Amino acid sequence: MRWLALLVGLTIVGCRPAADTGYTLLFLGRFAAARVGPYSWAPDPAHSRLIAFDGDLHVVRTVTDRRLSSPVAVARYPQNRLLITERTGEGVVFDTTGTPVREWESPFPASLYATDGSRIIASRSPYYVLFVAEDGSAPLLKAGRYHDTFERSGSDWRFDGRHIFVDQVGDVREHLSFDLSGFMDKR
């Protein structure tokens, strides 16, 4: 009978739910965060740093480094590392002690890096076009964003498609030889 009571007691202790680790921060403002180890890590581009939050969303650590000029996204990277996307398009990998592990430059003005656990997947967005005519007329400004999609083919990721969204167009009347008003949204 004691064996049965001991077995029931061990079963109850062994089957209880795991301790709650608290909240996981997904975004800090508009910037993507990631849970790595016991902390949620988020970029703070206004102060050129990373911030670690515990499960109660208290700040427990900050990381500053010359390689963090304007971090805009954090993703989980293998071996409990942090994959940081910079506004400039550059990427940096840090360990959770704040030591840089790897960095690379990007020729693109903005990029977003993510990982599937073994590889880095990149997507470029947004874009800006600025044109000033030789005669000094008003600049033509066009701004928008790309939405790149990827698909997995077996064990490989590949580019699937790109959708281009135009969010802003400046005054183009001086730059065109035709009337564009019929093509513009009446917002």
C-alpha atoms as a PDB file:
ATOM      1  CA  MET A   1       0.000   0.000   0.000  1.00  0.00           C
ATOM      2  CA  ARG A   2       2.861   2.383   0.763  1.00  0.00           C
ATOM      3  CA  TRP A   3       4.265   1.746  -2.694  1.00  0.00           C
ATOM      4  CA  LEU A   4       0.966   2.748  -4.214  1.00  0.00           C
ATOM      5  CA  ALA A   5       0.829   5.964  -2.158  1.00  0.00           C
ATOM      6  CA  LEU A   6       4.438   6.742  -3.092  1.00  0.00           C
ATOM      7  CA  LEU A   7       3.708   6.075  -6.771  1.00  0.00           C
ATOM      8  CA  VAL A   8       0.615   8.325  -6.709  1.00  0.00           C
ATOM      9  CA  GLY A   9       2.591  11.061  -4.904  1.00  0.00           C
ATOM     10  CA  LEU A  10       5.429  10.940  -7.437  1.00  0.00           C
ATOM     11  CA  THR A  11       2.953  10.986 -10.299  1.00  0.00           C
ATOM     12  CA  ILE A  12       1.241  14.085  -8.906  1.00  0.00           C
ATOM     13  CA  VAL A  13       4.555  15.879  -8.381  1.00  0.00           C
ATOM     14  CA  GLY A  14       5.890  14.829 -11.803  1.00  0.00           C
ATOM     15  CA  CYS A  15       2.746  15.804 -13.731  1.00  0.00           C
ATOM     16  CA  ARG A  16       2.169  19.288 -12.386  1.00  0.00           C
ATOM     17  CA  PRO A  17       2.495  22.097 -14.929  1.00  0.00           C
ATOM     18  CA  ALA A  18       5.847  23.767 -15.464  1.00  0.00           C
ATOM     19  CA  ALA A  19       6.491  27.011 -13.654  1.00  0.00           C
ATOM     20  CA  ASP A  20       5.145  30.063 -15.460  1.00  0.00           C
ATOM     21  CA  THR A  21       8.003  32.039 -16.982  1.00  0.00           C
ATOM     22  CA  GLY A  22       5.891  35.159 -17.346  1.00  0.00           C
ATOM     23  CA  TYR A  23       5.247  37.280 -20.373  1.00  0.00           C
ATOM     24  CA  THR A  24       7.146  37.238 -23.646  1.00  0.00           C
ATOM     25  CA  LEU A  25       7.609  40.638 -25.239  1.00  0.00           C
ATOM     26  CA  LEU A  26       6.838  40.558 -28.970  1.00  0.00           C
ATOM     27  CA  PHE A  27       7.392  44.225 -29.858  1.00  0.00           C
ATOM     28  CA  LEU A  28       8.820  47.293 -28.189  1.00  0.00           C
ATOM     29  CA  GLY A  29       7.030  50.120 -29.961  1.00  0.00           C
ATOM     30  CA  ARG A  30       7.207  49.174 -33.639  1.00  0.00           C
ATOM     31  CA  PHE A  31      10.334  47.059 -33.246  1.00  0.00           C
ATOM     32  CA  ALA A  32      10.358  43.243 -33.190  1.00  0.00           C
ATOM     33  CA  ALA A  33      11.602  41.522 -30.032  1.00  0.00           C
ATOM     34  CA  ALA A  34      12.590  37.905 -29.387  1.00  0.00           C
ATOM     35  CA  ARG A  35      12.735  35.577 -26.407  1.00  0.00           C
ATOM     36  CA  VAL A  36      16.200  34.123 -25.871  1.00  0.00           C
ATOM     37  CA  GLY A  37      16.756  32.168 -22.690  1.00  0.00           C
ATOM     38  CA  PRO A  38      14.769  33.594 -19.773  1.00  0.00           C
ATOM     39  CA  TYR A  39      14.594  37.115 -21.249  1.00  0.00           C
ATOM     40  CA  SER A  40      12.778  38.967 -23.990  1.00  0.00           C
ATOM     41  CA  TRP A  41      15.270  41.080 -25.946  1.00  0.00           C
ATOM     42  CA  ALA A  42      14.143  44.217 -27.755  1.00  0.00           C
ATOM     43  CA  PRO A  43      15.905  46.920 -29.761  1.00  0.00           C
ATOM     44  CA  ASP A  44      15.888  50.530 -28.597  1.00  0.00           C
ATOM     45  CA  PRO A  45      17.026  52.465 -31.680  1.00  0.00           C
ATOM     46  CA  ALA A  46      16.567  55.882 -30.074  1.00  0.00           C
ATOM     47  CA  HIS A  47      19.286  55.000 -27.543  1.00  0.00           C
ATOM     48  CA  SER A  48      21.401  52.619 -29.704  1.00  0.00           C
ATOM     49  CA  ARG A  49      20.988  49.674 -27.374  1.00  0.00           C
ATOM     50  CA  LEU A  50      19.291  46.364 -26.677  1.00  0.00           C
ATOM     51  CA  ILE A  51      17.078  45.890 -23.640  1.00  0.00           C
ATOM     52  CA  ALA A  52      16.422  42.589 -21.853  1.00  0.00           C
ATOM     53  CA  PHE A  53      13.120  42.139 -19.999  1.00  0.00           C
ATOM     54  CA  ASP A  54      12.273  39.411 -17.508  1.00  0.00           C
ATOM     55  CA  GLY A  55       8.951  37.549 -17.439  1.00  0.00           C
ATOM     56  CA  ASP A  56       7.334  40.404 -15.493  1.00  0.00           C
ATOM     57  CA  LEU A  57       8.529  42.847 -18.179  1.00  0.00           C
ATOM     58  CA  HIS A  58      11.029  44.555 -15.893  1.00  0.00           C
ATOM     59  CA  VAL A  59      14.252  45.783 -17.475  1.00  0.00           C
ATOM     60  CA  VAL A  60      17.022  43.507 -16.224  1.00  0.00           C
ATOM     61  CA  ARG A  61      19.819  44.358 -18.610  1.00  0.00           C
ATOM     62  CA  THR A  62      20.886  46.724 -21.373  1.00  0.00           C
ATOM     63  CA  VAL A  63      23.549  46.177 -24.012  1.00  0.00           C
ATOM     64  CA  THR A  64      25.321  49.004 -25.786  1.00  0.00           C
ATOM     65  CA  ASP A  65      28.098  48.605 -28.310  1.00  0.00           C
ATOM     66  CA  ARG A  66      29.557  50.645 -31.141  1.00  0.00           C
ATOM     67  CA  ARG A  67      28.055  48.084 -33.553  1.00  0.00           C
ATOM     68  CA  LEU A  68      24.550  49.017 -32.381  1.00  0.00           C
ATOM     69  CA  SER A  69      23.881  52.335 -34.048  1.00  0.00           C
ATOM     70  CA  SER A  70      20.158  51.938 -34.706  1.00  0.00           C
ATOM     71  CA  PRO A  71      18.861  48.412 -34.020  1.00  0.00           C
ATOM     72  CA  VAL A  72      15.324  47.814 -35.323  1.00  0.00           C
ATOM     73  CA  ALA A  73      14.680  44.080 -34.816  1.00  0.00           C
ATOM     74  CA  VAL A  74      15.889  41.145 -32.729  1.00  0.00           C
ATOM     75  CA  ALA A  75      15.502  37.483 -33.693  1.00  0.00           C
ATOM     76  CA  ARG A  76      16.556  34.305 -31.905  1.00  0.00           C
ATOM     77  CA  TYR A  77      19.733  32.788 -33.339  1.00  0.00           C
ATOM     78  CA  PRO A  78      21.154  29.302 -32.598  1.00  0.00           C
ATOM     79  CA  GLN A  79      23.112  28.738 -29.380  1.00  0.00           C
ATOM     80  CA  ASN A  80      21.012  31.335 -27.516  1.00  0.00           C
ATOM     81  CA  ARG A  81      22.347  34.243 -29.517  1.00  0.00           C
ATOM     82  CA  LEU A  82      20.670  37.424 -30.734  1.00  0.00           C
ATOM     83  CA  LEU A  83      20.379  38.308 -34.422  1.00  0.00           C
ATOM     84  CA  ILE A  84      20.086  42.100 -34.687  1.00  0.00           C
ATOM     85  CA  THR A  85      18.868  44.002 -37.734  1.00  0.00           C
ATOM     86  CA  GLU A  86      20.185  47.557 -38.037  1.00  0.00           C
ATOM     87  CA  ARG A  87      18.239  50.337 -39.767  1.00  0.00           C
ATOM     88  CA  THR A  88      21.178  50.673 -42.173  1.00  0.00           C
ATOM     89  CA  GLY A  89      20.652  47.107 -43.383  1.00  0.00           C
ATOM     90  CA  GLU A  90      23.610  45.663 -41.536  1.00  0.00           C
ATOM     91  CA  GLY A  91      23.298  42.602 -39.352  1.00  0.00           C
ATOM     92  CA  VAL A  92      25.003  41.780 -36.062  1.00  0.00           C
ATOM     93  CA  VAL A  93      24.958  38.640 -33.916  1.00  0.00           C
ATOM     94  CA  PHE A  94      25.465  39.060 -30.161  1.00  0.00           C
ATOM     95  CA  ASP A  95      25.545  36.517 -27.386  1.00  0.00           C
ATOM     96  CA  THR A  96      23.411  37.238 -24.332  1.00  0.00           C
ATOM     97  CA  THR A  97      26.389  38.642 -22.424  1.00  0.00           C
ATOM     98  CA  GLY A  98      26.536  41.507 -24.934  1.00  0.00           C
ATOM     99  CA  THR A  99      29.590  40.270 -26.821  1.00  0.00           C
ATOM    100  CA  PRO A 100      29.455  40.638 -30.621  1.00  0.00           C
ATOM    101  CA  VAL A 101      29.946  37.309 -32.371  1.00  0.00           C
ATOM    102  CA  ARG A 102      29.532  38.187 -36.047  1.00  0.00           C
ATOM    103  CA  GLU A 103      28.601  41.161 -38.209  1.00  0.00           C
ATOM    104  CA  TRP A 104      28.146  41.879 -41.892  1.00  0.00           C
ATOM    105  CA  GLU A 105      27.434  44.885 -44.054  1.00  0.00           C
ATOM    106  CA  SER A 106      24.579  45.160 -46.503  1.00  0.00           C
ATOM    107  CA  PRO A 107      24.402  47.337 -49.605  1.00  0.00           C
ATOM    108  CA  PHE A 108      20.668  47.769 -49.058  1.00  0.00           C
ATOM    109  CA  PRO A 109      19.255  50.693 -47.072  1.00  0.00           C
ATOM    110  CA  ALA A 110      17.157  48.450 -44.862  1.00  0.00           C
ATOM    111  CA  SER A 111      16.907  44.732 -44.302  1.00  0.00           C
ATOM    112  CA  LEU A 112      15.184  42.346 -41.954  1.00  0.00           C
ATOM    113  CA  TYR A 113      17.004  39.249 -40.877  1.00  0.00           C
ATOM    114  CA  ALA A 114      15.331  36.154 -39.478  1.00  0.00           C
ATOM    115  CA  THR A 115      16.515  32.644 -38.844  1.00  0.00           C
ATOM    116  CA  ASP A 116      15.074  29.187 -39.184  1.00  0.00           C
ATOM    117  CA  GLY A 117      17.492  27.794 -36.624  1.00  0.00           C
ATOM    118  CA  SER A 118      20.403  27.086 -38.932  1.00  0.00           C
ATOM    119  CA  ARG A 119      20.366  29.765 -41.640  1.00  0.00           C
ATOM    120  CA  ILE A 120      19.699  33.469 -41.940  1.00  0.00           C
ATOM    121  CA  ILE A 121      16.848  34.612 -44.165  1.00  0.00           C
ATOM    122  CA  ALA A 122      16.855  38.264 -45.317  1.00  0.00           C
ATOM    123  CA  SER A 123      14.147  40.535 -46.655  1.00  0.00           C
ATOM    124  CA  ARG A 124      14.705  44.104 -47.840  1.00  0.00           C
ATOM    125  CA  SER A 125      12.282  46.906 -47.012  1.00  0.00           C
ATOM    126  CA  PRO A 126      11.452  49.904 -47.212  1.00  0.00           C
ATOM    127  CA  TYR A 127      12.584  51.992 -50.165  1.00  0.00           C
ATOM    128  CA  TYR A 128      12.883  55.718 -50.894  1.00  0.00           C
ATOM    129  CA  VAL A 129      13.352  57.475 -54.226  1.00  0.00           C
ATOM    130  CA  LEU A 130      14.485  61.090 -54.313  1.00  0.00           C
ATOM    131  CA  PHE A 131      15.011  62.929 -57.581  1.00  0.00           C
ATOM    132  CA  VAL A 132      15.965  66.558 -58.071  1.00  0.00           C
ATOM    133  CA  ALA A 133      15.961  67.887 -61.628  1.00  0.00           C
ATOM    134  CA  GLU A 134      18.870  69.894 -62.984  1.00  0.00           C
ATOM    135  CA  ASP A 135      16.745  73.037 -63.099  1.00  0.00           C
ATOM    136  CA  GLY A 136      16.353  72.894 -59.323  1.00  0.00           C
ATOM    137  CA  SER A 137      12.626  72.202 -59.428  1.00  0.00           C
ATOM    138  CA  ALA A 138      10.883  70.594 -56.463  1.00  0.00           C
ATOM    139  CA  PRO A 139      12.195  67.106 -55.663  1.00  0.00           C
ATOM    140  CA  LEU A 140      10.177  64.059 -56.577  1.00  0.00           C
ATOM    141  CA  LEU A 141       9.865  61.817 -53.575  1.00  0.00           C
ATOM    142  CA  LYS A 142       8.461  58.323 -53.654  1.00  0.00           C
ATOM    143  CA  ALA A 143       8.410  56.100 -50.610  1.00  0.00           C
ATOM    144  CA  GLY A 144       6.974  52.689 -49.983  1.00  0.00           C
ATOM    145  CA  ARG A 145       7.765  49.211 -48.845  1.00  0.00           C
ATOM    146  CA  TYR A 146       8.437  45.766 -50.180  1.00  0.00           C
ATOM    147  CA  HIS A 147       6.683  42.712 -48.895  1.00  0.00           C
ATOM    148  CA  ASP A 148       8.878  39.747 -49.743  1.00  0.00           C
ATOM    149  CA  THR A 149       7.597  36.229 -49.281  1.00  0.00           C
ATOM    150  CA  PHE A 150       9.681  33.095 -48.931  1.00  0.00           C
ATOM    151  CA  GLU A 151       8.790  29.445 -49.123  1.00  0.00           C
ATOM    152  CA  ARG A 152      10.439  26.332 -47.869  1.00  0.00           C
ATOM    153  CA  SER A 153      11.294  23.706 -50.450  1.00  0.00           C
ATOM    154  CA  GLY A 154      12.447  20.595 -48.626  1.00  0.00           C
ATOM    155  CA  SER A 155      15.225  21.810 -46.354  1.00  0.00           C
ATOM    156  CA  ASP A 156      15.892  24.989 -48.367  1.00  0.00           C
ATOM    157  CA  TRP A 157      14.303  28.429 -48.245  1.00  0.00           C
ATOM    158  CA  ARG A 158      13.766  30.287 -51.491  1.00  0.00           C
ATOM    159  CA  PHE A 159      12.379  33.600 -52.634  1.00  0.00           C
ATOM    160  CA  ASP A 160       8.715  33.293 -53.585  1.00  0.00           C
ATOM    161  CA  GLY A 161       7.639  36.795 -54.595  1.00  0.00           C
ATOM    162  CA  ARG A 162       7.690  40.519 -54.001  1.00  0.00           C
ATOM    163  CA  HIS A 163       4.803  42.944 -53.675  1.00  0.00           C
ATOM    164  CA  ILE A 164       5.667  46.637 -53.912  1.00  0.00           C
ATOM    165  CA  PHE A 165       3.494  49.149 -52.084  1.00  0.00           C
ATOM    166  CA  VAL A 166       3.757  52.886 -52.753  1.00  0.00           C
ATOM    167  CA  ASP A 167       2.897  54.787 -49.583  1.00  0.00           C
ATOM    168  CA  GLN A 168       3.853  58.309 -50.566  1.00  0.00           C
ATOM    169  CA  VAL A 169       4.397  60.233 -53.778  1.00  0.00           C
ATOM    170  CA  GLY A 170       5.553  63.832 -53.778  1.00  0.00           C
ATOM    171  CA  ASP A 171       4.463  66.565 -56.163  1.00  0.00           C
ATOM    172  CA  VAL A 172       5.273  65.076 -59.574  1.00  0.00           C
ATOM    173  CA  ARG A 173       3.585  67.690 -61.788  1.00  0.00           C
ATOM    174  CA  GLU A 174       6.878  69.360 -62.725  1.00  0.00           C
ATOM    175  CA  HIS A 175       8.515  66.029 -63.631  1.00  0.00           C
ATOM    176  CA  LEU A 176       5.915  64.500 -65.953  1.00  0.00           C
ATOM    177  CA  SER A 177       4.711  65.413 -69.409  1.00  0.00           C
ATOM    178  CA  PHE A 178       1.208  64.018 -68.777  1.00  0.00           C
ATOM    179  CA  ASP A 179      -1.563  64.453 -66.222  1.00  0.00           C
ATOM    180  CA  LEU A 180      -1.253  61.895 -63.408  1.00  0.00           C
ATOM    181  CA  SER A 181      -4.428  62.907 -61.543  1.00  0.00           C
ATOM    182  CA  GLY A 182      -6.466  60.043 -63.015  1.00  0.00           C
ATOM    183  CA  PHE A 183      -4.052  57.508 -61.537  1.00  0.00           C
ATOM    184  CA  MET A 184      -3.908  58.823 -57.973  1.00  0.00           C
ATOM    185  CA  ASP A 185      -6.115  57.767 -55.044  1.00  0.00           C
ATOM    186  CA  LYS A 186      -8.621  60.380 -53.918  1.00  0.00           C
ATOM    187  CA  ARG A 187      -7.854  60.103 -50.186  1.00  0.00           C
END
